[in-house]
Amino acid sequence: MDLPLIRLALVDSTQAFLRRNPHLGFCAVLAERQTDGRGRQGNRWESAAGAGLWMSAALPAPEGVAPGLILQRAMVAATQVLDPDGQVLGLKWPNDLVARKGGRLVKVGGILGEQFGPRLILGLGVNLTSAPAIPVRAFPPASLTELGLGGPAAIDLGESIIALWKDLTRNIQPPFCWPEPGAAIRWEDGQGTCLGWEPDGRLKVATAEGIRRLSAGDVTGMA
């Protein structure tokens, strides 16, 4: 299925645009600039023109794929386009795009997913040439340019990512994942040791109270 791609010079957010225009059906939208970008933790920011890849796509919801796994597969598909050699970018649970820089993780992008009946809306934000200033972050922001990745224009990157999003039933793996088994982690109401990523997208963690399996809705921040 070919998805029509709508290009906007300015929008509050591509995700909000598709939410309030259900009559557009299955399609994608890419913006040059956003005035009210939104992250999974409720963070909002204004993006400079040309600084990033801001896009959303309304797709048929894939059947037989756990909701948490959909976002992870969509982000891994993005890494295949943004980092074709698989040398730099990885996935931070549950759905952040990260890289290792100077001995620590930095955040390059994130993804949101919302389902309305048969319509799944995926929203992706990636810092291409600069990163918005978001204070008090466990993982500081970075851009692809800082990491030595760049080249194709946002429109070309977006079209390639959308092409891969058409089939999220494929079990593709990221170049690296964080946290890895054995890593000590903490979140707003707990801490423990990562035991691994579950096949349904949850995170298996050993805590003082026993084994927990975290879903994206259980955690708003992890370090």
N, C-alpha and C. Protein backbone atom coordinates (compact mmCIF):
# COMPACT_ATOMS: atom_id res chain seq x y z
N MET A 1 0.84 -1.20 0.00
CA MET A 1 0.00 0.00 0.00
C MET A 1 0.88 1.25 0.00
N ASP A 2 0.66 2.11 -0.99
CA ASP A 2 1.38 3.37 -1.05
C ASP A 2 0.70 4.38 -0.13
N LEU A 3 1.49 5.05 0.71
CA LEU A 3 0.95 6.06 1.61
C LEU A 3 1.19 7.45 1.03
N PRO A 4 0.14 8.23 0.84
CA PRO A 4 0.35 9.62 0.42
C PRO A 4 1.18 10.35 1.49
N LEU A 5 2.11 11.18 1.07
CA LEU A 5 2.95 11.94 1.98
C LEU A 5 2.61 13.42 1.87
N ILE A 6 2.17 13.99 2.99
CA ILE A 6 1.83 15.41 3.06
C ILE A 6 3.03 16.16 3.64
N ARG A 7 3.47 17.21 2.98
CA ARG A 7 4.59 18.01 3.48
C ARG A 7 4.07 19.36 3.97
N LEU A 8 4.46 19.71 5.19
CA LEU A 8 4.02 20.96 5.80
C LEU A 8 5.24 21.80 6.17
N ALA A 9 5.16 23.10 5.94
CA ALA A 9 6.25 23.99 6.36
C ALA A 9 6.23 24.19 7.86
N LEU A 10 5.03 24.27 8.45
CA LEU A 10 4.90 24.58 9.87
C LEU A 10 3.65 23.89 10.41
N VAL A 11 3.78 23.27 11.60
CA VAL A 11 2.65 22.62 12.25
C VAL A 11 2.93 22.57 13.74
N ASP A 12 1.88 22.46 14.55
CA ASP A 12 2.12 22.30 15.98
C ASP A 12 2.85 20.99 16.23
N SER A 13 2.29 19.89 15.76
CA SER A 13 3.00 18.61 15.75
C SER A 13 2.36 17.73 14.70
N THR A 14 3.16 16.91 14.06
CA THR A 14 2.64 16.02 13.02
C THR A 14 1.67 15.01 13.62
N GLN A 15 1.94 14.59 14.85
CA GLN A 15 1.06 13.62 15.51
C GLN A 15 -0.33 14.23 15.74
N ALA A 16 -0.36 15.46 16.26
CA ALA A 16 -1.63 16.14 16.49
C ALA A 16 -2.37 16.39 15.18
N PHE A 17 -1.62 16.70 14.13
CA PHE A 17 -2.24 16.95 12.82
C PHE A 17 -3.02 15.73 12.34
N LEU A 18 -2.43 14.54 12.47
CA LEU A 18 -3.13 13.34 12.02
C LEU A 18 -4.26 12.96 12.95
N ARG A 19 -4.10 13.22 14.25
CA ARG A 19 -5.19 12.91 15.18
C ARG A 19 -6.44 13.72 14.86
N ARG A 20 -6.27 14.98 14.52
CA ARG A 20 -7.45 15.82 14.30
C ARG A 20 -7.95 15.79 12.85
N ASN A 21 -7.31 15.01 12.01
CA ASN A 21 -7.74 14.87 10.62
C ASN A 21 -7.94 13.40 10.24
N PRO A 22 -8.83 12.70 10.95
CA PRO A 22 -9.02 11.28 10.64
C PRO A 22 -9.54 11.03 9.23
N HIS A 23 -10.16 12.05 8.64
CA HIS A 23 -10.70 11.87 7.28
C HIS A 23 -9.60 11.64 6.25
N LEU A 24 -8.34 11.92 6.62
CA LEU A 24 -7.23 11.70 5.69
C LEU A 24 -6.92 10.21 5.52
N GLY A 25 -7.43 9.39 6.44
CA GLY A 25 -7.21 7.96 6.32
C GLY A 25 -5.75 7.59 6.54
N PHE A 26 -5.30 6.60 5.77
CA PHE A 26 -3.91 6.14 5.89
C PHE A 26 -3.01 7.06 5.05
N CYS A 27 -2.09 7.73 5.72
CA CYS A 27 -1.20 8.66 5.04
C CYS A 27 -0.06 9.00 5.99
N ALA A 28 0.88 9.79 5.53
CA ALA A 28 2.00 10.25 6.35
C ALA A 28 2.13 11.76 6.19
N VAL A 29 2.69 12.39 7.21
CA VAL A 29 2.91 13.83 7.17
C VAL A 29 4.30 14.13 7.70
N LEU A 30 4.99 15.02 7.02
CA LEU A 30 6.34 15.42 7.40
C LEU A 30 6.38 16.94 7.47
N ALA A 31 6.95 17.49 8.56
CA ALA A 31 6.97 18.93 8.76
C ALA A 31 8.39 19.46 8.75
N GLU A 32 8.55 20.63 8.17
CA GLU A 32 9.84 21.32 8.21
C GLU A 32 10.11 21.85 9.61
N ARG A 33 9.04 22.26 10.29
CA ARG A 33 9.20 22.83 11.63
C ARG A 33 7.97 22.52 12.47
N GLN A 34 8.18 22.23 13.76
CA GLN A 34 7.09 22.01 14.71
C GLN A 34 7.15 23.07 15.81
N THR A 35 5.99 23.55 16.23
CA THR A 35 5.95 24.53 17.31
C THR A 35 5.60 23.92 18.66
N ASP A 36 5.10 22.67 18.64
CA ASP A 36 4.68 22.03 19.88
C ASP A 36 4.93 20.54 19.81
N GLY A 37 6.20 20.17 19.54
CA GLY A 37 6.55 18.77 19.50
C GLY A 37 6.31 18.13 20.86
N ARG A 38 5.97 16.84 20.85
CA ARG A 38 5.60 16.18 22.10
C ARG A 38 6.36 14.87 22.23
N GLY A 39 6.91 14.62 23.42
CA GLY A 39 7.59 13.38 23.72
C GLY A 39 6.74 12.47 24.58
N ARG A 40 7.22 11.24 24.78
CA ARG A 40 6.45 10.26 25.54
C ARG A 40 6.24 10.69 26.98
N GLN A 41 7.19 11.42 27.57
CA GLN A 41 7.10 11.83 28.95
C GLN A 41 6.41 13.18 29.11
N GLY A 42 5.75 13.66 28.06
CA GLY A 42 5.05 14.93 28.14
C GLY A 42 5.90 16.14 27.85
N ASN A 43 7.19 15.92 27.50
CA ASN A 43 8.05 17.04 27.15
C ASN A 43 7.56 17.68 25.87
N ARG A 44 7.65 19.01 25.82
CA ARG A 44 7.27 19.74 24.62
C ARG A 44 8.38 20.70 24.24
N TRP A 45 8.53 20.91 22.94
CA TRP A 45 9.59 21.81 22.48
C TRP A 45 9.24 22.36 21.12
N GLU A 46 9.91 23.45 20.78
CA GLU A 46 9.78 24.03 19.45
C GLU A 46 11.04 23.70 18.67
N SER A 47 10.87 23.19 17.46
CA SER A 47 12.01 22.76 16.66
C SER A 47 12.33 23.80 15.60
N ALA A 48 13.61 24.01 15.39
CA ALA A 48 14.06 24.95 14.35
C ALA A 48 13.87 24.34 12.97
N ALA A 49 13.62 25.17 12.00
CA ALA A 49 13.43 24.70 10.63
C ALA A 49 14.67 23.97 10.13
N GLY A 50 14.45 22.79 9.60
CA GLY A 50 15.55 22.02 9.03
C GLY A 50 16.44 21.30 10.03
N ALA A 51 16.14 21.43 11.33
CA ALA A 51 17.02 20.84 12.35
C ALA A 51 16.78 19.36 12.57
N GLY A 52 15.61 18.89 12.18
CA GLY A 52 15.31 17.49 12.48
C GLY A 52 14.34 16.87 11.51
N LEU A 53 14.05 15.61 11.77
CA LEU A 53 13.07 14.85 11.02
C LEU A 53 11.84 14.72 11.92
N TRP A 54 10.75 15.37 11.53
CA TRP A 54 9.52 15.36 12.31
C TRP A 54 8.43 14.78 11.42
N MET A 55 7.94 13.61 11.75
CA MET A 55 6.98 12.95 10.88
C MET A 55 6.06 12.04 11.67
N SER A 56 4.89 11.80 11.10
CA SER A 56 3.94 10.84 11.64
C SER A 56 3.31 10.11 10.48
N ALA A 57 2.87 8.89 10.75
CA ALA A 57 2.21 8.10 9.72
C ALA A 57 1.01 7.38 10.31
N ALA A 58 -0.10 7.45 9.63
CA ALA A 58 -1.30 6.69 10.00
C ALA A 58 -1.33 5.43 9.16
N LEU A 59 -1.22 4.29 9.83
CA LEU A 59 -1.09 3.00 9.16
C LEU A 59 -2.16 2.04 9.64
N PRO A 60 -2.44 1.01 8.86
CA PRO A 60 -3.29 -0.07 9.39
C PRO A 60 -2.56 -0.74 10.55
N ALA A 61 -3.24 -0.93 11.67
CA ALA A 61 -2.60 -1.57 12.83
C ALA A 61 -2.21 -3.00 12.47
N PRO A 62 -0.94 -3.37 12.68
CA PRO A 62 -0.52 -4.73 12.34
C PRO A 62 -1.19 -5.75 13.26
N GLU A 63 -1.58 -6.87 12.71
CA GLU A 63 -2.24 -7.90 13.50
C GLU A 63 -1.22 -8.84 14.12
N GLY A 64 -1.51 -9.26 15.35
CA GLY A 64 -0.67 -10.26 16.01
C GLY A 64 0.65 -9.74 16.54
N VAL A 65 0.79 -8.41 16.67
CA VAL A 65 2.02 -7.83 17.20
C VAL A 65 1.69 -7.06 18.47
N ALA A 66 2.38 -7.36 19.58
CA ALA A 66 2.13 -6.69 20.85
C ALA A 66 2.37 -5.19 20.71
N PRO A 67 1.54 -4.36 21.37
CA PRO A 67 1.69 -2.91 21.25
C PRO A 67 3.10 -2.41 21.57
N GLY A 68 3.71 -2.92 22.63
CA GLY A 68 5.06 -2.47 22.96
C GLY A 68 6.08 -2.84 21.92
N LEU A 69 5.85 -3.95 21.25
CA LEU A 69 6.78 -4.43 20.23
C LEU A 69 6.65 -3.61 18.95
N ILE A 70 5.46 -3.09 18.69
CA ILE A 70 5.26 -2.28 17.48
C ILE A 70 6.18 -1.07 17.50
N LEU A 71 6.23 -0.35 18.62
CA LEU A 71 7.07 0.84 18.71
C LEU A 71 8.55 0.49 18.56
N GLN A 72 8.95 -0.59 19.18
CA GLN A 72 10.36 -0.99 19.09
C GLN A 72 10.73 -1.35 17.65
N ARG A 73 9.88 -2.08 16.98
CA ARG A 73 10.17 -2.45 15.60
C ARG A 73 10.17 -1.23 14.69
N ALA A 74 9.26 -0.29 14.95
CA ALA A 74 9.24 0.92 14.14
C ALA A 74 10.52 1.72 14.33
N MET A 75 11.04 1.78 15.55
CA MET A 75 12.28 2.52 15.80
C MET A 75 13.47 1.79 15.20
N VAL A 76 13.50 0.48 15.30
CA VAL A 76 14.60 -0.28 14.70
C VAL A 76 14.61 -0.08 13.19
N ALA A 77 13.42 -0.04 12.58
CA ALA A 77 13.34 0.23 11.14
C ALA A 77 13.96 1.59 10.83
N ALA A 78 13.72 2.58 11.71
CA ALA A 78 14.31 3.90 11.50
C ALA A 78 15.83 3.84 11.57
N THR A 79 16.39 3.03 12.48
CA THR A 79 17.85 2.94 12.57
C THR A 79 18.45 2.38 11.28
N GLN A 80 17.71 1.50 10.61
CA GLN A 80 18.23 0.92 9.37
C GLN A 80 18.39 1.97 8.28
N VAL A 81 17.56 2.99 8.34
CA VAL A 81 17.65 4.08 7.36
C VAL A 81 18.66 5.13 7.80
N LEU A 82 18.63 5.50 9.07
CA LEU A 82 19.48 6.58 9.57
C LEU A 82 20.92 6.15 9.76
N ASP A 83 21.14 4.87 10.02
CA ASP A 83 22.48 4.33 10.27
C ASP A 83 22.61 3.01 9.51
N PRO A 84 22.72 3.08 8.17
CA PRO A 84 22.68 1.87 7.34
C PRO A 84 23.75 0.84 7.70
N ASP A 85 24.89 1.29 8.20
CA ASP A 85 25.96 0.34 8.54
C ASP A 85 25.79 -0.25 9.93
N GLY A 86 24.82 0.23 10.69
CA GLY A 86 24.57 -0.32 12.03
C GLY A 86 25.70 -0.12 13.00
N GLN A 87 26.40 1.01 12.91
CA GLN A 87 27.58 1.23 13.74
C GLN A 87 27.36 2.19 14.91
N VAL A 88 26.29 2.98 14.87
CA VAL A 88 26.17 4.08 15.83
C VAL A 88 24.91 4.02 16.67
N LEU A 89 23.77 3.85 16.04
CA LEU A 89 22.49 4.01 16.73
C LEU A 89 21.98 2.72 17.35
N GLY A 90 21.29 2.86 18.46
CA GLY A 90 20.68 1.73 19.13
C GLY A 90 19.35 2.13 19.74
N LEU A 91 18.76 1.22 20.48
CA LEU A 91 17.44 1.42 21.06
C LEU A 91 17.51 1.38 22.58
N LYS A 92 17.00 2.44 23.21
CA LYS A 92 16.85 2.47 24.67
C LYS A 92 15.40 2.12 24.99
N TRP A 93 15.22 1.15 25.88
CA TRP A 93 13.87 0.72 26.22
C TRP A 93 13.09 1.87 26.83
N PRO A 94 11.81 2.09 26.44
CA PRO A 94 11.09 1.21 25.51
C PRO A 94 11.15 1.64 24.05
N ASN A 95 11.46 2.93 23.76
CA ASN A 95 11.31 3.36 22.36
C ASN A 95 12.12 4.62 22.03
N ASP A 96 13.26 4.79 22.65
CA ASP A 96 14.12 5.95 22.35
C ASP A 96 15.25 5.54 21.42
N LEU A 97 15.63 6.47 20.54
CA LEU A 97 16.77 6.29 19.66
C LEU A 97 17.99 6.90 20.34
N VAL A 98 19.02 6.09 20.57
CA VAL A 98 20.19 6.54 21.32
C VAL A 98 21.48 6.17 20.61
N ALA A 99 22.57 6.74 21.12
CA ALA A 99 23.91 6.41 20.63
C ALA A 99 24.87 6.52 21.80
N ARG A 100 26.05 5.97 21.64
CA ARG A 100 27.09 6.10 22.66
C ARG A 100 28.06 7.20 22.22
N LYS A 101 28.27 8.16 23.12
CA LYS A 101 29.15 9.27 22.81
C LYS A 101 29.90 9.66 24.08
N GLY A 102 31.22 9.67 24.00
CA GLY A 102 32.02 10.05 25.15
C GLY A 102 31.81 9.16 26.35
N GLY A 103 31.56 7.88 26.12
CA GLY A 103 31.40 6.95 27.22
C GLY A 103 30.03 6.93 27.86
N ARG A 104 29.04 7.62 27.27
CA ARG A 104 27.70 7.62 27.84
C ARG A 104 26.67 7.61 26.73
N LEU A 105 25.43 7.32 27.10
CA LEU A 105 24.35 7.33 26.13
C LEU A 105 23.83 8.73 25.92
N VAL A 106 23.51 9.05 24.67
CA VAL A 106 22.85 10.31 24.33
C VAL A 106 21.59 9.96 23.53
N LYS A 107 20.58 10.81 23.65
CA LYS A 107 19.31 10.56 22.97
C LYS A 107 19.26 11.34 21.67
N VAL A 108 18.94 10.64 20.60
CA VAL A 108 18.88 11.23 19.27
C VAL A 108 17.44 11.40 18.80
N GLY A 109 16.53 10.61 19.32
CA GLY A 109 15.15 10.70 18.88
C GLY A 109 14.24 9.84 19.71
N GLY A 110 12.97 9.87 19.37
CA GLY A 110 11.97 9.07 20.08
C GLY A 110 10.77 8.83 19.19
N ILE A 111 9.92 7.94 19.65
CA ILE A 111 8.75 7.56 18.86
C ILE A 111 7.54 7.44 19.77
N LEU A 112 6.39 7.79 19.24
CA LEU A 112 5.11 7.66 19.93
C LEU A 112 4.20 6.78 19.08
N GLY A 113 3.28 6.11 19.74
CA GLY A 113 2.28 5.32 19.03
C GLY A 113 0.92 5.46 19.67
N GLU A 114 -0.10 5.70 18.85
CA GLU A 114 -1.47 5.82 19.33
C GLU A 114 -2.39 5.09 18.36
N GLN A 115 -3.31 4.31 18.91
CA GLN A 115 -4.21 3.56 18.02
C GLN A 115 -5.64 4.06 18.19
N PHE A 116 -6.28 4.30 17.06
CA PHE A 116 -7.67 4.73 17.01
C PHE A 116 -8.41 3.78 16.07
N GLY A 117 -9.05 2.77 16.64
CA GLY A 117 -9.71 1.76 15.82
C GLY A 117 -8.67 1.03 14.98
N PRO A 118 -8.88 0.95 13.66
CA PRO A 118 -7.91 0.25 12.81
C PRO A 118 -6.71 1.12 12.43
N ARG A 119 -6.67 2.35 12.93
CA ARG A 119 -5.66 3.33 12.52
C ARG A 119 -4.59 3.47 13.59
N LEU A 120 -3.37 3.10 13.26
CA LEU A 120 -2.23 3.26 14.14
C LEU A 120 -1.44 4.49 13.70
N ILE A 121 -1.26 5.45 14.61
CA ILE A 121 -0.50 6.65 14.28
C ILE A 121 0.85 6.59 14.98
N LEU A 122 1.90 6.50 14.18
CA LEU A 122 3.27 6.51 14.69
C LEU A 122 3.87 7.89 14.47
N GLY A 123 4.48 8.45 15.49
CA GLY A 123 5.12 9.75 15.39
C GLY A 123 6.60 9.65 15.73
N LEU A 124 7.44 10.10 14.83
CA LEU A 124 8.89 9.98 15.00
C LEU A 124 9.55 11.35 14.98
N GLY A 125 10.42 11.59 15.93
CA GLY A 125 11.23 12.80 15.94
C GLY A 125 12.69 12.44 16.05
N VAL A 126 13.52 12.97 15.16
CA VAL A 126 14.96 12.68 15.16
C VAL A 126 15.71 13.99 15.00
N ASN A 127 16.71 14.20 15.84
CA ASN A 127 17.57 15.38 15.73
C ASN A 127 18.58 15.15 14.61
N LEU A 128 18.45 15.89 13.53
CA LEU A 128 19.36 15.71 12.39
C LEU A 128 20.61 16.58 12.52
N THR A 129 20.44 17.90 12.56
CA THR A 129 21.60 18.79 12.56
C THR A 129 21.82 19.48 13.90
N SER A 130 20.80 19.52 14.75
CA SER A 130 20.96 20.09 16.09
C SER A 130 19.90 19.48 16.99
N ALA A 131 20.13 19.60 18.30
CA ALA A 131 19.21 18.99 19.27
C ALA A 131 18.53 20.07 20.10
N PRO A 132 17.22 19.95 20.33
CA PRO A 132 16.53 20.93 21.16
C PRO A 132 17.02 20.84 22.60
N ALA A 133 17.04 21.97 23.28
CA ALA A 133 17.47 22.00 24.68
C ALA A 133 16.31 21.56 25.56
N ILE A 134 16.46 20.40 26.20
CA ILE A 134 15.46 19.88 27.13
C ILE A 134 16.17 19.66 28.46
N PRO A 135 15.90 20.47 29.48
CA PRO A 135 16.64 20.39 30.73
C PRO A 135 16.32 19.14 31.54
N VAL A 136 17.22 18.82 32.46
CA VAL A 136 17.05 17.75 33.43
C VAL A 136 16.75 16.43 32.73
N ARG A 137 17.65 16.00 31.90
CA ARG A 137 17.50 14.72 31.22
C ARG A 137 18.59 13.77 31.66
N ALA A 138 18.20 12.52 31.94
CA ALA A 138 19.20 11.52 32.31
C ALA A 138 20.16 11.24 31.17
N PHE A 139 19.64 11.36 29.93
CA PHE A 139 20.46 11.15 28.74
C PHE A 139 20.39 12.42 27.91
N PRO A 140 21.49 13.15 27.78
CA PRO A 140 21.46 14.43 27.07
C PRO A 140 21.16 14.23 25.58
N PRO A 141 20.55 15.25 24.95
CA PRO A 141 20.24 15.14 23.52
C PRO A 141 21.47 15.30 22.65
N ALA A 142 21.42 14.72 21.47
CA ALA A 142 22.49 14.84 20.48
C ALA A 142 21.86 14.75 19.11
N SER A 143 22.60 15.15 18.09
CA SER A 143 22.10 15.11 16.72
C SER A 143 22.91 14.11 15.89
N LEU A 144 22.35 13.71 14.77
CA LEU A 144 23.07 12.80 13.87
C LEU A 144 24.35 13.45 13.36
N THR A 145 24.31 14.76 13.11
CA THR A 145 25.51 15.45 12.63
C THR A 145 26.65 15.32 13.63
N GLU A 146 26.35 15.49 14.92
CA GLU A 146 27.37 15.35 15.96
C GLU A 146 27.98 13.96 15.98
N LEU A 147 27.18 12.98 15.58
CA LEU A 147 27.62 11.58 15.64
C LEU A 147 28.25 11.12 14.33
N GLY A 148 28.40 12.02 13.38
CA GLY A 148 29.01 11.67 12.12
C GLY A 148 28.07 11.01 11.13
N LEU A 149 26.76 11.10 11.40
CA LEU A 149 25.77 10.56 10.47
C LEU A 149 25.03 11.72 9.82
N GLY A 150 24.81 11.63 8.58
CA GLY A 150 24.11 12.72 7.89
C GLY A 150 24.13 12.47 6.40
N GLY A 151 23.65 13.44 5.67
CA GLY A 151 23.67 13.33 4.21
C GLY A 151 22.30 13.51 3.61
N PRO A 152 21.46 12.44 3.58
CA PRO A 152 20.17 12.57 2.92
C PRO A 152 19.28 13.62 3.57
N ALA A 153 18.44 14.24 2.78
CA ALA A 153 17.50 15.23 3.28
C ALA A 153 16.40 14.54 4.09
N ALA A 154 15.73 15.31 4.94
CA ALA A 154 14.68 14.77 5.78
C ALA A 154 13.60 14.08 4.97
N ILE A 155 13.23 14.65 3.83
CA ILE A 155 12.17 14.05 3.02
C ILE A 155 12.57 12.67 2.52
N ASP A 156 13.83 12.51 2.13
CA ASP A 156 14.30 11.21 1.64
C ASP A 156 14.36 10.19 2.78
N LEU A 157 14.83 10.63 3.95
CA LEU A 157 14.87 9.74 5.11
C LEU A 157 13.45 9.31 5.48
N GLY A 158 12.54 10.28 5.51
CA GLY A 158 11.17 9.98 5.88
C GLY A 158 10.52 8.98 4.95
N GLU A 159 10.70 9.15 3.66
CA GLU A 159 10.10 8.24 2.69
C GLU A 159 10.65 6.82 2.87
N SER A 160 11.93 6.70 3.15
CA SER A 160 12.53 5.38 3.33
C SER A 160 12.04 4.71 4.60
N ILE A 161 11.88 5.49 5.67
CA ILE A 161 11.37 4.93 6.92
C ILE A 161 9.92 4.48 6.77
N ILE A 162 9.11 5.31 6.14
CA ILE A 162 7.71 4.95 5.92
C ILE A 162 7.59 3.66 5.13
N ALA A 163 8.45 3.48 4.15
CA ALA A 163 8.42 2.25 3.35
C ALA A 163 8.63 1.03 4.23
N LEU A 164 9.51 1.12 5.24
CA LEU A 164 9.76 -0.01 6.14
C LEU A 164 8.63 -0.18 7.15
N TRP A 165 7.97 0.92 7.52
CA TRP A 165 6.87 0.84 8.48
C TRP A 165 5.65 0.11 7.93
N LYS A 166 5.60 -0.08 6.64
CA LYS A 166 4.44 -0.75 6.06
C LYS A 166 4.34 -2.21 6.51
N ASP A 167 5.45 -2.78 6.98
CA ASP A 167 5.43 -4.16 7.47
C ASP A 167 6.17 -4.22 8.80
N LEU A 168 5.42 -4.10 9.88
CA LEU A 168 6.01 -4.17 11.22
C LEU A 168 5.87 -5.56 11.83
N THR A 169 5.52 -6.54 11.01
CA THR A 169 5.46 -7.92 11.49
C THR A 169 6.84 -8.57 11.44
N ARG A 170 7.79 -7.93 10.77
CA ARG A 170 9.14 -8.50 10.68
C ARG A 170 9.85 -8.38 12.02
N ASN A 171 10.50 -9.44 12.44
CA ASN A 171 11.24 -9.44 13.71
C ASN A 171 12.68 -9.00 13.44
N ILE A 172 12.91 -7.70 13.45
CA ILE A 172 14.24 -7.16 13.19
C ILE A 172 14.85 -6.67 14.50
N GLN A 173 16.16 -6.79 14.63
CA GLN A 173 16.86 -6.47 15.87
C GLN A 173 17.69 -5.20 15.70
N PRO A 174 17.78 -4.39 16.76
CA PRO A 174 18.61 -3.18 16.70
C PRO A 174 20.09 -3.51 16.83
N PRO A 175 20.98 -2.59 16.40
CA PRO A 175 22.43 -2.83 16.55
C PRO A 175 22.82 -3.05 18.00
N PHE A 176 22.22 -2.29 18.94
CA PHE A 176 22.42 -2.56 20.36
C PHE A 176 21.20 -2.10 21.13
N CYS A 177 21.04 -2.66 22.32
CA CYS A 177 19.91 -2.32 23.18
C CYS A 177 20.42 -1.88 24.54
N TRP A 178 19.72 -0.92 25.14
CA TRP A 178 19.98 -0.54 26.52
C TRP A 178 18.65 -0.49 27.25
N PRO A 179 18.56 -1.06 28.45
CA PRO A 179 19.65 -1.70 29.19
C PRO A 179 19.89 -3.13 28.72
N GLU A 180 21.14 -3.55 28.86
CA GLU A 180 21.51 -4.92 28.56
C GLU A 180 21.33 -5.77 29.82
N PRO A 181 21.20 -7.09 29.68
CA PRO A 181 21.10 -7.95 30.86
C PRO A 181 22.27 -7.70 31.81
N GLY A 182 21.95 -7.54 33.07
CA GLY A 182 22.97 -7.29 34.09
C GLY A 182 23.13 -5.82 34.44
N ALA A 183 22.54 -4.92 33.65
CA ALA A 183 22.67 -3.49 33.91
C ALA A 183 21.78 -3.08 35.08
N ALA A 184 22.34 -2.26 35.97
CA ALA A 184 21.55 -1.70 37.07
C ALA A 184 20.74 -0.52 36.54
N ILE A 185 19.45 -0.49 36.82
CA ILE A 185 18.57 0.55 36.31
C ILE A 185 17.68 1.07 37.43
N ARG A 186 17.15 2.25 37.22
CA ARG A 186 16.18 2.81 38.17
C ARG A 186 15.14 3.59 37.39
N TRP A 187 13.97 3.67 37.95
CA TRP A 187 12.90 4.45 37.35
C TRP A 187 12.15 5.14 38.49
N GLU A 188 11.06 5.86 38.18
CA GLU A 188 10.48 6.77 39.16
C GLU A 188 10.01 6.08 40.44
N ASP A 189 9.61 4.80 40.37
CA ASP A 189 9.13 4.15 41.59
C ASP A 189 9.82 2.83 41.88
N GLY A 190 11.03 2.66 41.33
CA GLY A 190 11.72 1.40 41.60
C GLY A 190 13.13 1.37 41.04
N GLN A 191 13.80 0.28 41.32
CA GLN A 191 15.13 0.04 40.79
C GLN A 191 15.38 -1.46 40.77
N GLY A 192 16.35 -1.87 39.99
CA GLY A 192 16.64 -3.29 39.91
C GLY A 192 17.72 -3.57 38.89
N THR A 193 17.78 -4.82 38.47
CA THR A 193 18.76 -5.27 37.51
C THR A 193 18.04 -5.83 36.28
N CYS A 194 18.44 -5.36 35.13
CA CYS A 194 17.81 -5.84 33.89
C CYS A 194 18.14 -7.31 33.66
N LEU A 195 17.10 -8.08 33.35
CA LEU A 195 17.29 -9.50 33.03
C LEU A 195 17.10 -9.77 31.54
N GLY A 196 16.62 -8.77 30.81
CA GLY A 196 16.45 -8.95 29.37
C GLY A 196 15.16 -8.35 28.85
N TRP A 197 15.08 -8.28 27.53
CA TRP A 197 13.89 -7.76 26.85
C TRP A 197 12.99 -8.93 26.49
N GLU A 198 11.72 -8.83 26.86
CA GLU A 198 10.78 -9.91 26.61
C GLU A 198 10.32 -9.90 25.14
N PRO A 199 9.88 -11.05 24.62
CA PRO A 199 9.42 -11.11 23.22
C PRO A 199 8.25 -10.20 22.92
N ASP A 200 7.48 -9.81 23.96
CA ASP A 200 6.33 -8.93 23.72
C ASP A 200 6.67 -7.46 23.93
N GLY A 201 7.96 -7.14 24.11
CA GLY A 201 8.37 -5.76 24.25
C GLY A 201 8.52 -5.28 25.67
N ARG A 202 8.11 -6.09 26.66
CA ARG A 202 8.29 -5.69 28.05
C ARG A 202 9.73 -5.90 28.48
N LEU A 203 10.09 -5.26 29.62
CA LEU A 203 11.44 -5.38 30.16
C LEU A 203 11.37 -6.22 31.43
N LYS A 204 12.17 -7.27 31.49
CA LYS A 204 12.21 -8.15 32.65
C LYS A 204 13.28 -7.65 33.61
N VAL A 205 12.88 -7.41 34.86
CA VAL A 205 13.76 -6.78 35.84
C VAL A 205 13.69 -7.55 37.15
N ALA A 206 14.86 -7.75 37.77
CA ALA A 206 14.94 -8.33 39.11
C ALA A 206 14.99 -7.18 40.12
N THR A 207 14.03 -7.15 41.04
CA THR A 207 13.98 -6.12 42.07
C THR A 207 14.06 -6.78 43.44
N ALA A 208 14.15 -5.97 44.47
CA ALA A 208 14.20 -6.51 45.84
C ALA A 208 12.92 -7.25 46.18
N GLU A 209 11.82 -6.90 45.52
CA GLU A 209 10.53 -7.54 45.78
C GLU A 209 10.29 -8.77 44.91
N GLY A 210 11.14 -8.98 43.91
CA GLY A 210 10.96 -10.10 43.01
C GLY A 210 11.07 -9.69 41.55
N ILE A 211 10.68 -10.56 40.65
CA ILE A 211 10.76 -10.30 39.22
C ILE A 211 9.59 -9.43 38.79
N ARG A 212 9.91 -8.36 38.03
CA ARG A 212 8.87 -7.53 37.44
C ARG A 212 9.04 -7.50 35.92
N ARG A 213 7.93 -7.37 35.25
CA ARG A 213 7.95 -7.20 33.79
C ARG A 213 7.30 -5.86 33.49
N LEU A 214 8.13 -4.91 33.11
CA LEU A 214 7.68 -3.54 32.91
C LEU A 214 7.17 -3.33 31.49
N SER A 215 6.06 -2.63 31.37
CA SER A 215 5.60 -2.19 30.06
C SER A 215 5.83 -0.68 29.96
N ALA A 216 5.72 -0.15 28.75
CA ALA A 216 6.00 1.28 28.55
C ALA A 216 5.12 2.17 29.43
N GLY A 217 3.88 1.73 29.67
CA GLY A 217 2.97 2.52 30.48
C GLY A 217 3.33 2.54 31.96
N ASP A 218 4.21 1.64 32.40
CA ASP A 218 4.60 1.58 33.81
C ASP A 218 5.69 2.57 34.15
N VAL A 219 6.38 3.08 33.15
CA VAL A 219 7.62 3.85 33.38
C VAL A 219 7.56 5.14 32.57
N THR A 220 7.86 6.26 33.23
CA THR A 220 7.95 7.53 32.50
C THR A 220 9.38 8.01 32.35
N GLY A 221 10.31 7.39 33.05
CA GLY A 221 11.71 7.76 32.92
C GLY A 221 12.58 6.67 33.46
N MET A 222 13.67 6.36 32.80
CA MET A 222 14.57 5.29 33.25
C MET A 222 16.00 5.73 33.06
N ALA A 223 16.83 5.40 34.05
CA ALA A 223 18.26 5.74 33.97
C ALA A 223 19.09 4.62 34.55
